[in-house]
Amino acid sequence: MNIIGIVCMEMHIDKNGYNQKVNMVANSYIEMLIANDAVPMMISPQMKIEHLDEIVEKIGGLMLIGGEDIKQGYYNSELLIKEISKRDELEIELYKKCKERKIPVLGICRGLQIINVAEGGTLEDISPKNFIKHTIDEDGFINYHNISIEKDSKLRKILNVDNYTVCSMHHQKIDKLGQDLKISAKSEDGIIEAIESNNNDFILAFQGHIEKNIKNFKKYNEVIKAFLNSVAIKR
């Protein structure tokens, strides 16, 4: 049984006029795993760091999902005021523990950025010079665009194509690439769209939301299968 850890997002919801904070994971992530006979294990961002070793013992893989911006204090050493995010801290430490134990990791959107920051990389806002729309339009329309896949990448071997399509919902991008990482794909305007480990470990991440277009762009199913196959081998 492939158990995949997913750190939840925290959100405020209104339930019958009463506002409360909840832990949440979008169904698209869960459905993607269940469709491939994997078992999602939700992890609260409120979890204590000292319990992470026990969590890592229980999971075969880690999926880092989308959500809010990473606090700049985690990658910008020049800031005088360091804001702390419990989710940022938990995911960075969880990633490092999984990497140390060679537990496969798949990142999506914010997940790519968490991996980059955990590896000592930095982020920056998308520039007007980036001519492709990487954000959601005001009417809710999600923009799709082409990505070019690096020929010597693990991603190229998995998808077996030089170009593919992804949907974008982000306003930040990788600035400096983190150590132990290599670029897997870029958009036509130069934004890093996928990264992977530069060794044999399965660490692969996408800036776009592959879970939202997996039905129309079916090759992304091969990514999920490769991730879960790697989980099964490591068990």
Protein backbone atom coordinates (compact mmCIF):
# COMPACT_ATOMS: atom_id res chain seq x y z
CA MET A 1 0.00 0.00 0.00
CA ASN A 2 1.50 3.35 -1.10
CA ILE A 3 0.81 5.95 1.62
CA ILE A 4 1.44 9.50 0.42
CA GLY A 5 1.77 12.34 2.91
CA ILE A 6 0.15 15.68 2.03
CA VAL A 7 0.44 18.77 4.23
CA CYS A 8 -2.93 20.52 4.39
CA MET A 9 -3.70 24.16 3.71
CA GLU A 10 -5.31 26.22 6.49
CA MET A 11 -8.40 28.22 5.53
CA HIS A 12 -11.21 30.14 7.19
CA ILE A 13 -14.70 29.02 6.18
CA ASP A 14 -18.15 30.28 7.03
CA LYS A 15 -20.42 27.50 8.26
CA ASN A 16 -23.95 28.62 9.08
CA GLY A 17 -22.75 32.09 10.00
CA TYR A 18 -19.90 30.82 12.17
CA ASN A 19 -16.35 31.47 10.95
CA GLN A 20 -13.87 28.73 11.69
CA LYS A 21 -10.39 27.65 10.64
CA VAL A 22 -10.05 24.31 8.87
CA ASN A 23 -7.35 22.08 7.42
CA MET A 24 -8.04 21.41 3.75
CA VAL A 25 -6.73 19.53 0.73
CA ALA A 26 -8.42 20.05 -2.65
CA ASN A 27 -10.16 16.94 -3.97
CA SER A 28 -8.18 17.06 -7.23
CA TYR A 29 -5.01 16.01 -5.40
CA ILE A 30 -6.76 13.25 -3.46
CA GLU A 31 -8.64 11.91 -6.47
CA MET A 32 -5.42 11.79 -8.50
CA LEU A 33 -3.80 9.54 -5.88
CA ILE A 34 -6.83 7.34 -5.23
CA ALA A 35 -7.26 6.76 -8.99
CA ASN A 36 -3.78 5.25 -8.90
CA ASP A 37 -4.49 3.04 -5.84
CA ALA A 38 -2.48 5.22 -3.46
CA VAL A 39 -3.63 6.24 0.02
CA PRO A 40 -3.44 9.98 0.85
CA MET A 41 -2.47 10.77 4.46
CA MET A 42 -3.31 14.35 5.41
CA ILE A 43 -0.84 16.10 7.70
CA SER A 44 -1.87 19.22 9.61
CA PRO A 45 0.51 22.19 9.30
CA GLN A 46 -0.02 22.60 13.06
CA MET A 47 1.89 19.35 13.64
CA LYS A 48 4.92 19.69 15.92
CA ILE A 49 8.27 19.52 14.16
CA GLU A 50 9.53 16.99 16.71
CA HIS A 51 6.90 14.49 15.49
CA LEU A 52 8.08 14.54 11.88
CA ASP A 53 10.33 11.49 12.26
CA GLU A 54 7.27 9.42 13.24
CA ILE A 55 5.32 10.77 10.27
CA VAL A 56 8.14 10.00 7.84
CA GLU A 57 8.19 6.41 9.14
CA LYS A 58 4.55 6.02 8.08
CA ILE A 59 4.66 7.47 4.56
CA GLY A 60 6.12 6.04 1.39
CA GLY A 61 6.06 9.29 -0.54
CA LEU A 62 5.45 13.02 -0.07
CA MET A 63 3.33 15.29 -2.27
CA LEU A 64 3.81 19.02 -1.68
CA ILE A 65 0.76 20.87 -3.00
CA GLY A 66 -0.34 24.43 -3.90
CA GLY A 67 -1.38 27.22 -1.59
CA GLU A 68 -0.25 30.54 -0.17
CA ASP A 69 3.06 32.31 -0.81
CA ILE A 70 6.15 31.18 1.07
CA LYS A 71 7.26 33.83 3.59
CA GLN A 72 10.27 35.70 2.21
CA GLY A 73 12.19 35.27 5.45
CA TYR A 74 12.90 31.68 4.45
CA TYR A 75 14.89 32.71 1.38
CA ASN A 76 15.67 36.44 1.65
CA SER A 77 18.47 36.97 4.18
CA GLU A 78 18.33 40.78 3.78
CA LEU A 79 14.91 41.13 5.42
CA LEU A 80 15.03 42.76 8.85
CA ILE A 81 11.70 41.31 9.98
CA LYS A 82 11.43 37.54 9.61
CA GLU A 83 7.81 36.39 9.31
CA ILE A 84 7.22 32.80 10.33
CA SER A 85 4.77 30.40 8.68
CA LYS A 86 4.07 27.09 10.43
CA ARG A 87 3.25 25.43 7.13
CA ASP A 88 6.44 26.70 5.46
CA GLU A 89 8.56 25.49 8.36
CA LEU A 90 6.85 22.09 8.52
CA GLU A 91 7.04 21.43 4.76
CA ILE A 92 10.68 22.47 4.48
CA GLU A 93 11.70 20.20 7.36
CA LEU A 94 9.51 17.37 6.07
CA TYR A 95 11.07 17.67 2.62
CA LYS A 96 14.59 17.55 4.08
CA LYS A 97 13.79 14.43 6.12
CA CYS A 98 12.26 12.70 3.09
CA LYS A 99 15.26 13.62 0.95
CA GLU A 100 17.64 12.28 3.60
CA ARG A 101 15.78 8.96 3.65
CA LYS A 102 15.39 8.90 -0.16
CA ILE A 103 11.59 8.99 0.09
CA PRO A 104 10.13 10.08 -3.28
CA VAL A 105 8.77 13.65 -3.45
CA LEU A 106 6.36 15.19 -5.96
CA GLY A 107 5.80 18.96 -5.86
CA ILE A 108 3.02 20.97 -7.49
CA CYS A 109 2.97 24.80 -7.76
CA ARG A 110 3.87 26.01 -4.23
CA GLY A 111 5.39 22.54 -3.81
CA LEU A 112 8.01 23.34 -6.47
CA GLN A 113 8.79 26.59 -4.69
CA ILE A 114 9.09 24.86 -1.29
CA ILE A 115 11.58 22.37 -2.74
CA ASN A 116 13.61 25.17 -4.32
CA VAL A 117 13.67 27.21 -1.09
CA ALA A 118 14.52 24.12 1.00
CA GLU A 119 17.50 23.60 -1.31
CA GLY A 120 18.75 27.16 -0.75
CA GLY A 121 17.14 28.69 -3.84
CA THR A 122 15.19 31.94 -4.09
CA LEU A 123 11.92 33.22 -5.59
CA GLU A 124 10.84 36.44 -7.27
CA ASP A 125 7.68 37.98 -8.70
CA ILE A 126 6.92 37.35 -12.36
CA SER A 127 8.11 40.28 -14.46
CA PRO A 128 6.03 42.09 -17.12
CA LYS A 129 8.78 40.90 -19.48
CA ASN A 130 7.36 37.39 -19.07
CA PHE A 131 4.86 37.64 -21.89
CA ILE A 132 2.88 34.46 -21.11
CA LYS A 133 -0.07 34.73 -18.70
CA HIS A 134 0.77 32.58 -15.69
CA THR A 135 -2.11 33.77 -13.49
CA ILE A 136 -5.87 33.21 -13.32
CA ASP A 137 -7.90 35.83 -15.18
CA GLU A 138 -10.40 38.00 -13.30
CA ASP A 139 -13.31 35.92 -14.65
CA GLY A 140 -11.70 32.73 -13.29
CA PHE A 141 -10.27 31.52 -16.62
CA ILE A 142 -7.17 29.37 -16.15
CA ASN A 143 -4.46 30.02 -18.73
CA TYR A 144 -2.71 27.15 -20.48
CA HIS A 145 0.66 27.36 -22.21
CA ASN A 146 3.42 25.26 -23.73
CA ILE A 147 6.51 24.02 -21.88
CA SER A 148 9.76 22.78 -23.43
CA ILE A 149 11.21 19.72 -21.72
CA GLU A 150 14.96 19.30 -21.27
CA LYS A 151 16.27 16.37 -23.32
CA ASP A 152 18.50 14.90 -20.60
CA SER A 153 15.88 15.10 -17.84
CA LYS A 154 14.00 12.40 -15.95
CA LEU A 155 10.83 14.21 -16.99
CA ARG A 156 11.71 13.74 -20.67
CA LYS A 157 12.11 9.99 -20.08
CA ILE A 158 8.76 9.82 -18.28
CA LEU A 159 6.68 11.85 -20.75
CA ASN A 160 8.62 10.86 -23.88
CA VAL A 161 7.88 14.21 -25.57
CA ASP A 162 9.89 17.40 -26.11
CA ASN A 163 6.95 19.76 -25.51
CA TYR A 164 3.75 19.59 -23.53
CA THR A 165 0.99 21.78 -22.06
CA VAL A 166 0.41 22.95 -18.50
CA CYS A 167 -2.02 25.30 -16.73
CA SER A 168 -0.69 28.21 -14.67
CA MET A 169 -1.90 29.81 -11.44
CA HIS A 170 1.08 31.59 -9.90
CA HIS A 171 2.55 35.09 -9.61
CA GLN A 172 6.02 34.08 -8.41
CA LYS A 173 8.76 32.07 -10.09
CA ILE A 174 12.15 30.56 -9.31
CA ASP A 175 14.94 33.14 -9.29
CA LYS A 176 18.05 31.25 -8.12
CA LEU A 177 17.84 27.48 -8.53
CA GLY A 178 18.49 25.50 -5.37
CA GLN A 179 21.44 23.13 -4.94
CA ASP A 180 21.02 19.45 -5.87
CA LEU A 181 18.37 20.48 -8.41
CA LYS A 182 18.29 20.77 -12.20
CA ILE A 183 15.79 22.31 -14.59
CA SER A 184 13.40 19.84 -16.25
CA ALA A 185 11.26 22.25 -18.29
CA LYS A 186 10.77 25.93 -19.13
CA SER A 187 8.03 28.04 -20.66
CA GLU A 188 8.65 30.07 -23.83
CA ASP A 189 9.22 33.22 -21.73
CA GLY A 190 11.95 31.54 -19.69
CA ILE A 191 10.13 30.67 -16.47
CA ILE A 192 11.25 27.41 -14.87
CA GLU A 193 8.22 25.11 -15.13
CA ALA A 194 9.65 21.87 -13.72
CA ILE A 195 12.63 20.85 -11.61
CA GLU A 196 14.08 17.53 -10.49
CA SER A 197 16.86 16.07 -8.39
CA ASN A 198 20.22 16.06 -10.16
CA ASN A 199 20.93 12.56 -8.86
CA ASN A 200 18.96 9.32 -8.94
CA ASP A 201 16.49 10.26 -6.20
CA PHE A 202 12.85 10.78 -7.27
CA ILE A 203 12.34 14.46 -6.54
CA LEU A 204 10.24 16.06 -9.27
CA ALA A 205 8.13 19.21 -9.21
CA PHE A 206 5.94 21.32 -11.51
CA GLN A 207 5.12 25.01 -11.31
CA GLY A 208 1.83 24.32 -13.13
CA HIS A 209 -1.12 22.41 -11.70
CA ILE A 210 -0.87 18.99 -13.33
CA GLU A 211 -3.63 17.67 -11.05
CA LYS A 212 -6.13 20.03 -12.74
CA ASN A 213 -5.42 19.01 -16.33
CA ILE A 214 -4.58 15.34 -15.89
CA LYS A 215 -7.78 14.23 -17.65
CA ASN A 216 -7.20 16.33 -20.77
CA PHE A 217 -3.43 15.93 -20.87
CA LYS A 218 -3.15 12.27 -20.05
CA LYS A 219 0.63 12.01 -20.18
CA TYR A 220 0.70 13.51 -16.69
CA ASN A 221 -0.70 10.18 -15.52
CA GLU A 222 2.73 8.79 -16.41
CA VAL A 223 4.27 11.20 -13.91
CA ILE A 224 1.98 9.97 -11.14
CA LYS A 225 2.70 6.35 -12.05
CA ALA A 226 6.46 6.99 -12.07
CA PHE A 227 6.17 8.69 -8.66
CA LEU A 228 4.17 5.83 -7.15
CA ASN A 229 6.36 3.17 -8.76
CA SER A 230 9.34 4.84 -7.11
CA VAL A 231 7.44 4.79 -3.81
CA ALA A 232 6.77 1.08 -4.18
CA ILE A 233 10.45 0.35 -4.91
CA LYS A 234 11.59 2.28 -1.80
CA ARG A 235 9.18 0.49 0.54
